[in-house]
PDB file of N, CA and C in Angstrom:
ATOM      1  N   UNK A   1      12.867 -27.052  -2.609  1.00  0.00           N
ATOM      2  CA  UNK A   1      14.123 -27.332  -3.575  1.00  0.00           C
ATOM      3  C   UNK A   1      14.672 -26.144  -3.870  1.00  0.00           C
ATOM      4  N   UNK A   2      16.019 -26.197  -3.710  1.00  0.00           N
ATOM      5  CA  UNK A   2      16.756 -25.006  -3.481  1.00  0.00           C
ATOM      6  C   UNK A   2      16.778 -24.267  -4.775  1.00  0.00           C
ATOM      7  N   UNK A   3      16.700 -24.792  -5.782  1.00  0.00           N
ATOM      8  CA  UNK A   3      16.922 -24.546  -7.277  1.00  0.00           C
ATOM      9  C   UNK A   3      15.792 -23.600  -7.562  1.00  0.00           C
ATOM     10  N   UNK A   4      14.463 -24.081  -7.104  1.00  0.00           N
ATOM     11  CA  UNK A   4      13.064 -23.383  -7.393  1.00  0.00           C
ATOM     12  C   UNK A   4      13.095 -22.114  -6.559  1.00  0.00           C
ATOM     13  N   UNK A   5      13.910 -22.150  -5.447  1.00  0.00           N
ATOM     14  CA  UNK A   5      13.772 -20.821  -4.702  1.00  0.00           C
ATOM     15  C   UNK A   5      14.941 -19.942  -5.387  1.00  0.00           C
ATOM     16  N   UNK A   6      15.884 -20.068  -5.809  1.00  0.00           N
ATOM     17  CA  UNK A   6      16.978 -19.422  -6.559  1.00  0.00           C
ATOM     18  C   UNK A   6      16.253 -19.041  -8.005  1.00  0.00           C
ATOM     19  N   UNK A   7      15.640 -19.812  -8.795  1.00  0.00           N
ATOM     20  CA  UNK A   7      14.739 -19.321  -9.784  1.00  0.00           C
ATOM     21  C   UNK A   7      13.761 -18.508  -9.535  1.00  0.00           C
ATOM     22  N   UNK A   8      12.965 -18.527  -8.449  1.00  0.00           N
ATOM     23  CA  UNK A   8      12.053 -17.399  -8.318  1.00  0.00           C
ATOM     24  C   UNK A   8      12.478 -16.420  -7.799  1.00  0.00           C
ATOM     25  N   UNK A   9      13.749 -16.407  -7.122  1.00  0.00           N
ATOM     26  CA  UNK A   9      14.329 -14.927  -6.738  1.00  0.00           C
ATOM     27  C   UNK A   9      14.889 -14.227  -8.122  1.00  0.00           C
ATOM     28  N   UNK A  10      15.584 -14.927  -8.993  1.00  0.00           N
ATOM     29  CA  UNK A  10      15.999 -14.336 -10.129  1.00  0.00           C
ATOM     30  C   UNK A  10      14.775 -13.774 -10.971  1.00  0.00           C
ATOM     31  N   UNK A  11      13.506 -14.458 -10.989  1.00  0.00           N
ATOM     32  CA  UNK A  11      12.378 -13.910 -11.761  1.00  0.00           C
ATOM     33  C   UNK A  11      11.778 -12.717 -10.937  1.00  0.00           C
ATOM     34  N   UNK A  12      12.158 -12.588  -9.908  1.00  0.00           N
ATOM     35  CA  UNK A  12      11.668 -11.484  -8.926  1.00  0.00           C
ATOM     36  C   UNK A  12      12.455 -10.251  -9.302  1.00  0.00           C
ATOM     37  N   UNK A  13      13.603 -10.512  -9.384  1.00  0.00           N
ATOM     38  CA  UNK A  13      14.565  -9.561  -9.881  1.00  0.00           C
ATOM     39  C   UNK A  13      14.321  -9.004 -10.996  1.00  0.00           C
ATOM     40  N   UNK A  14      14.009  -9.903 -11.970  1.00  0.00           N
ATOM     41  CA  UNK A  14      13.622  -9.621 -13.485  1.00  0.00           C
ATOM     42  C   UNK A  14      12.351  -8.745 -13.557  1.00  0.00           C
ATOM     43  N   UNK A  15      11.470  -9.135 -12.895  1.00  0.00           N
ATOM     44  CA  UNK A  15      10.347  -8.426 -12.521  1.00  0.00           C
ATOM     45  C   UNK A  15      10.736  -6.781 -12.234  1.00  0.00           C
ATOM     46  N   UNK A  16      11.459  -6.672 -11.225  1.00  0.00           N
ATOM     47  CA  UNK A  16      11.823  -5.426 -10.655  1.00  0.00           C
ATOM     48  C   UNK A  16      12.250  -4.559 -11.803  1.00  0.00           C
ATOM     49  N   UNK A  17      13.333  -5.393 -12.563  1.00  0.00           N
ATOM     50  CA  UNK A  17      14.036  -4.773 -13.426  1.00  0.00           C
ATOM     51  C   UNK A  17      13.058  -4.197 -14.752  1.00  0.00           C
ATOM     52  N   UNK A  18      12.173  -4.985 -15.405  1.00  0.00           N
ATOM     53  CA  UNK A  18      11.253  -4.911 -16.145  1.00  0.00           C
ATOM     54  C   UNK A  18      10.396  -3.729 -15.805  1.00  0.00           C
ATOM     55  N   UNK A  19       9.872  -3.699 -14.387  1.00  0.00           N
ATOM     56  CA  UNK A  19       9.180  -2.624 -13.932  1.00  0.00           C
ATOM     57  C   UNK A  19       9.638  -1.250 -13.846  1.00  0.00           C
ATOM     58  N   UNK A  20      10.850  -1.198 -13.586  1.00  0.00           N
ATOM     59  CA  UNK A  20      11.616   0.051 -13.581  1.00  0.00           C
ATOM     60  C   UNK A  20      11.733   0.602 -15.211  1.00  0.00           C
ATOM     61  N   UNK A  21      11.951  -0.290 -16.016  1.00  0.00           N
ATOM     62  CA  UNK A  21      12.103   0.057 -17.407  1.00  0.00           C
ATOM     63  C   UNK A  21      10.769   0.544 -17.831  1.00  0.00           C
ATOM     64  N   UNK A  22       9.626  -0.080 -17.552  1.00  0.00           N
ATOM     65  CA  UNK A  22       8.327   0.478 -18.006  1.00  0.00           C
ATOM     66  C   UNK A  22       7.878   1.563 -17.309  1.00  0.00           C
ATOM     67  N   UNK A  23       8.193   1.874 -16.071  1.00  0.00           N
ATOM     68  CA  UNK A  23       7.579   2.998 -15.292  1.00  0.00           C
ATOM     69  C   UNK A  23       8.711   4.149 -15.405  1.00  0.00           C
ATOM     70  N   UNK A  24       9.827   3.901 -15.392  1.00  0.00           N
ATOM     71  CA  UNK A  24      10.874   5.149 -15.437  1.00  0.00           C
ATOM     72  C   UNK A  24      12.016   5.121 -16.532  1.00  0.00           C
ATOM     73  N   UNK A  25      11.900   4.063 -17.517  1.00  0.00           N
ATOM     74  CA  UNK A  25      12.726   3.964 -18.509  1.00  0.00           C
ATOM     75  C   UNK A  25      14.260   3.817 -18.028  1.00  0.00           C
ATOM     76  N   UNK A  26      14.288   3.235 -17.051  1.00  0.00           N
ATOM     77  CA  UNK A  26      15.510   2.967 -16.439  1.00  0.00           C
ATOM     78  C   UNK A  26      15.820   1.460 -16.206  1.00  0.00           C
ATOM     79  N   UNK A  27      17.011   0.848 -16.764  1.00  0.00           N
ATOM     80  CA  UNK A  27      17.310  -0.417 -16.820  1.00  0.00           C
ATOM     81  C   UNK A  27      18.366  -0.639 -15.681  1.00  0.00           C
ATOM     82  N   UNK A  28      18.063  -1.072 -14.450  1.00  0.00           N
ATOM     83  CA  UNK A  28      18.753  -1.160 -13.227  1.00  0.00           C
ATOM     84  C   UNK A  28      19.816  -2.145 -13.477  1.00  0.00           C
ATOM     85  N   UNK A  29      19.544  -3.278 -14.086  1.00  0.00           N
ATOM     86  CA  UNK A  29      20.703  -4.237 -14.412  1.00  0.00           C
ATOM     87  C   UNK A  29      21.785  -3.512 -15.278  1.00  0.00           C
ATOM     88  N   UNK A  30      21.554  -2.887 -16.264  1.00  0.00           N
ATOM     89  CA  UNK A  30      22.743  -2.267 -16.972  1.00  0.00           C
ATOM     90  C   UNK A  30      23.155  -1.152 -16.308  1.00  0.00           C
ATOM     91  N   UNK A  31      22.400  -0.560 -15.337  1.00  0.00           N
ATOM     92  CA  UNK A  31      23.257   0.578 -14.684  1.00  0.00           C
ATOM     93  C   UNK A  31      24.081   0.061 -13.743  1.00  0.00           C
ATOM     94  N   UNK A  32      23.853  -1.125 -13.151  1.00  0.00           N
ATOM     95  CA  UNK A  32      24.810  -1.909 -12.154  1.00  0.00           C
ATOM     96  C   UNK A  32      25.932  -2.496 -12.963  1.00  0.00           C
ATOM     97  N   UNK A  33      25.571  -3.125 -13.810  1.00  0.00           N
ATOM     98  CA  UNK A  33      26.731  -3.915 -14.588  1.00  0.00           C
ATOM     99  C   UNK A  33      27.371  -3.325 -15.776  1.00  0.00           C
ATOM    100  N   UNK A  34      27.221  -1.968 -16.147  1.00  0.00           N
ATOM    101  CA  UNK A  34      27.898  -1.359 -16.983  1.00  0.00           C
ATOM    102  C   UNK A  34      27.377  -1.328 -18.621  1.00  0.00           C
ATOM    103  N   UNK A  35      25.806  -1.119 -18.608  1.00  0.00           N
ATOM    104  CA  UNK A  35      25.361  -1.228 -20.030  1.00  0.00           C
ATOM    105  C   UNK A  35      24.779  -2.606 -20.355  1.00  0.00           C
ATOM    106  N   UNK A  36      23.788  -2.320 -21.214  1.00  0.00           N
ATOM    107  CA  UNK A  36      23.138  -3.824 -21.782  1.00  0.00           C
ATOM    108  C   UNK A  36      23.991  -4.475 -22.628  1.00  0.00           C
ATOM    109  N   UNK A  37      25.140  -4.199 -23.183  1.00  0.00           N
ATOM    110  CA  UNK A  37      25.873  -5.123 -23.975  1.00  0.00           C
ATOM    111  C   UNK A  37      27.215  -5.582 -23.040  1.00  0.00           C
ATOM    112  N   UNK A  38      27.251  -5.008 -21.748  1.00  0.00           N
ATOM    113  CA  UNK A  38      28.471  -5.494 -20.812  1.00  0.00           C
ATOM    114  C   UNK A  38      28.116  -6.990 -20.585  1.00  0.00           C
ATOM    115  N   UNK A  39      29.198  -7.644 -20.702  1.00  0.00           N
ATOM    116  CA  UNK A  39      29.137  -9.140 -20.153  1.00  0.00           C
ATOM    117  C   UNK A  39      28.559  -9.324 -18.974  1.00  0.00           C
ATOM    118  N   UNK A  40      28.796  -8.864 -17.946  1.00  0.00           N
ATOM    119  CA  UNK A  40      27.912  -9.123 -16.657  1.00  0.00           C
ATOM    120  C   UNK A  40      26.416  -8.799 -16.988  1.00  0.00           C
ATOM    121  N   UNK A  41      25.903  -7.964 -17.501  1.00  0.00           N
ATOM    122  CA  UNK A  41      24.564  -7.693 -17.762  1.00  0.00           C
ATOM    123  C   UNK A  41      23.931  -8.873 -18.737  1.00  0.00           C
ATOM    124  N   UNK A  42      24.555  -9.222 -19.683  1.00  0.00           N
ATOM    125  CA  UNK A  42      23.965 -10.279 -20.555  1.00  0.00           C
ATOM    126  C   UNK A  42      24.133 -11.464 -19.714  1.00  0.00           C
ATOM    127  N   UNK A  43      25.211 -11.649 -18.736  1.00  0.00           N
ATOM    128  CA  UNK A  43      24.986 -13.143 -17.930  1.00  0.00           C
ATOM    129  C   UNK A  43      23.677 -12.918 -17.070  1.00  0.00           C
ATOM    130  N   UNK A  44      23.574 -11.786 -16.299  1.00  0.00           N
ATOM    131  CA  UNK A  44      22.283 -11.780 -15.601  1.00  0.00           C
ATOM    132  C   UNK A  44      20.899 -11.778 -16.327  1.00  0.00           C
ATOM    133  N   UNK A  45      21.008 -10.987 -17.467  1.00  0.00           N
ATOM    134  CA  UNK A  45      19.781 -11.224 -18.458  1.00  0.00           C
ATOM    135  C   UNK A  45      19.538 -12.821 -18.633  1.00  0.00           C
ATOM    136  N   UNK A  46      20.584 -13.419 -19.255  1.00  0.00           N
ATOM    137  CA  UNK A  46      20.507 -14.807 -19.433  1.00  0.00           C
ATOM    138  C   UNK A  46      19.993 -15.728 -18.411  1.00  0.00           C
ATOM    139  N   UNK A  47      20.676 -15.429 -16.946  1.00  0.00           N
ATOM    140  CA  UNK A  47      20.284 -16.261 -15.722  1.00  0.00           C
ATOM    141  C   UNK A  47      18.611 -15.977 -15.317  1.00  0.00           C
ATOM    142  N   UNK A  48      18.508 -14.731 -15.475  1.00  0.00           N
ATOM    143  CA  UNK A  48      16.969 -14.423 -15.397  1.00  0.00           C
ATOM    144  C   UNK A  48      15.846 -15.152 -16.485  1.00  0.00           C
ATOM    145  N   UNK A  49      16.356 -15.230 -17.537  1.00  0.00           N
ATOM    146  CA  UNK A  49      15.395 -15.881 -18.593  1.00  0.00           C
ATOM    147  C   UNK A  49      15.636 -17.279 -18.501  1.00  0.00           C
ATOM    148  N   UNK A  50      16.443 -18.030 -18.092  1.00  0.00           N
ATOM    149  CA  UNK A  50      16.473 -19.407 -17.621  1.00  0.00           C
ATOM    150  C   UNK A  50      15.598 -19.724 -16.289  1.00  0.00           C
ATOM    151  N   UNK A  51      15.879 -18.680 -15.595  1.00  0.00           N
ATOM    152  CA  UNK A  51      15.100 -18.938 -14.332  1.00  0.00           C
ATOM    153  C   UNK A  51      13.461 -18.854 -14.750  1.00  0.00           C
ATOM    154  N   UNK A  52      13.023 -17.897 -15.698  1.00  0.00           N
ATOM    155  CA  UNK A  52      11.876 -17.891 -16.082  1.00  0.00           C
ATOM    156  C   UNK A  52      11.233 -19.187 -16.399  1.00  0.00           C
ATOM    157  N   UNK A  53      12.181 -19.902 -17.503  1.00  0.00           N
ATOM    158  CA  UNK A  53      11.730 -21.094 -18.125  1.00  0.00           C
ATOM    159  C   UNK A  53      11.730 -22.076 -17.098  1.00  0.00           C
ATOM    160  N   UNK A  54      12.514 -22.287 -16.081  1.00  0.00           N
ATOM    161  CA  UNK A  54      12.447 -23.100 -15.158  1.00  0.00           C
ATOM    162  C   UNK A  54      11.178 -22.953 -14.227  1.00  0.00           C
ATOM    163  N   UNK A  55      10.855 -21.800 -14.067  1.00  0.00           N
ATOM    164  CA  UNK A  55       9.472 -21.491 -13.187  1.00  0.00           C
ATOM    165  C   UNK A  55       8.341 -21.866 -13.768  1.00  0.00           C
ATOM    166  N   UNK A  56       8.430 -21.800 -15.502  1.00  0.00           N
ATOM    167  CA  UNK A  56       7.086 -22.551 -15.916  1.00  0.00           C
ATOM    168  C   UNK A  56       6.850 -23.924 -15.445  1.00  0.00           C
ATOM    169  N   UNK A  57       7.937 -24.666 -14.999  1.00  0.00           N
ATOM    170  CA  UNK A  57       7.581 -25.883 -14.627  1.00  0.00           C
ATOM    171  C   UNK A  57       6.917 -25.984 -13.241  1.00  0.00           C
ATOM    172  N   UNK A  58       7.052 -24.866 -12.315  1.00  0.00           N
ATOM    173  CA  UNK A  58       6.330 -24.939 -11.375  1.00  0.00           C
ATOM    174  C   UNK A  58       4.641 -24.677 -11.523  1.00  0.00           C
ATOM    175  N   UNK A  59       4.475 -24.356 -12.705  1.00  0.00           N
ATOM    176  CA  UNK A  59       2.924 -24.526 -12.844  1.00  0.00           C
ATOM    177  C   UNK A  59       2.466 -25.882 -12.825  1.00  0.00           C
ATOM    178  N   UNK A  60       3.200 -26.669 -13.486  1.00  0.00           N
ATOM    179  CA  UNK A  60       2.659 -28.035 -13.792  1.00  0.00           C
ATOM    180  C   UNK A  60       3.012 -29.026 -12.638  1.00  0.00           C
ATOM    181  N   UNK A  61       3.447 -28.643 -11.785  1.00  0.00           N
ATOM    182  CA  UNK A  61       3.594 -29.508 -10.635  1.00  0.00           C
ATOM    183  C   UNK A  61       2.555 -29.785  -9.665  1.00  0.00           C
ATOM    184  N   UNK A  62       2.066 -30.953  -8.958  1.00  0.00           N
ATOM    185  CA  UNK A  62       1.291 -30.766  -8.086  1.00  0.00           C
ATOM    186  C   UNK A  62       1.718 -30.447  -6.706  1.00  0.00           C
ATOM    187  N   UNK A  63       0.902 -30.087  -5.775  1.00  0.00           N
ATOM    188  CA  UNK A  63       1.214 -29.709  -4.579  1.00  0.00           C
ATOM    189  C   UNK A  63       1.801 -30.603  -3.680  1.00  0.00           C
ATOM    190  N   UNK A  64       1.480 -31.892  -3.977  1.00  0.00           N
ATOM    191  CA  UNK A  64       2.020 -32.872  -2.921  1.00  0.00           C
ATOM    192  C   UNK A  64       3.590 -33.016  -3.276  1.00  0.00           C
ATOM    193  N   UNK A  65       3.796 -32.977  -4.628  1.00  0.00           N
ATOM    194  CA  UNK A  65       5.384 -33.051  -5.060  1.00  0.00           C
ATOM    195  C   UNK A  65       6.141 -31.831  -4.669  1.00  0.00           C
ATOM    196  N   UNK A  66       5.498 -30.601  -4.682  1.00  0.00           N
ATOM    197  CA  UNK A  66       6.170 -29.404  -4.191  1.00  0.00           C
ATOM    198  C   UNK A  66       6.674 -29.500  -2.606  1.00  0.00           C
ATOM    199  N   UNK A  67       5.590 -29.991  -1.753  1.00  0.00           N
ATOM    200  CA  UNK A  67       5.461 -30.052  -0.458  1.00  0.00           C
ATOM    201  C   UNK A  67       6.575 -31.168   0.206  1.00  0.00           C
ATOM    202  N   UNK A  68       6.574 -32.164  -0.703  1.00  0.00           N
ATOM    203  CA  UNK A  68       7.413 -33.336  -0.136  1.00  0.00           C
ATOM    204  C   UNK A  68       9.072 -32.968  -0.248  1.00  0.00           C
ATOM    205  N   UNK A  69       9.458 -32.003  -1.371  1.00  0.00           N
ATOM    206  CA  UNK A  69      10.804 -31.919  -1.433  1.00  0.00           C
ATOM    207  C   UNK A  69      10.848 -30.674  -0.604  1.00  0.00           C
TER     208      UNK A  69
END
């Protein structure tokens, strides 16, 4: 399902961002989009959060359902 792949991609982006914050104290999303309070940064953070919530559903799907779609 295309939505699953998009969500997974956004979660990976979020993981890289959190990794850069943890290791280097550098917020890549804030750097690219003009600070943590910038509208575009907040949109990206929100999309990553929604993608993470969507990916929780992947844990509860059976393999057969996932492979059929």
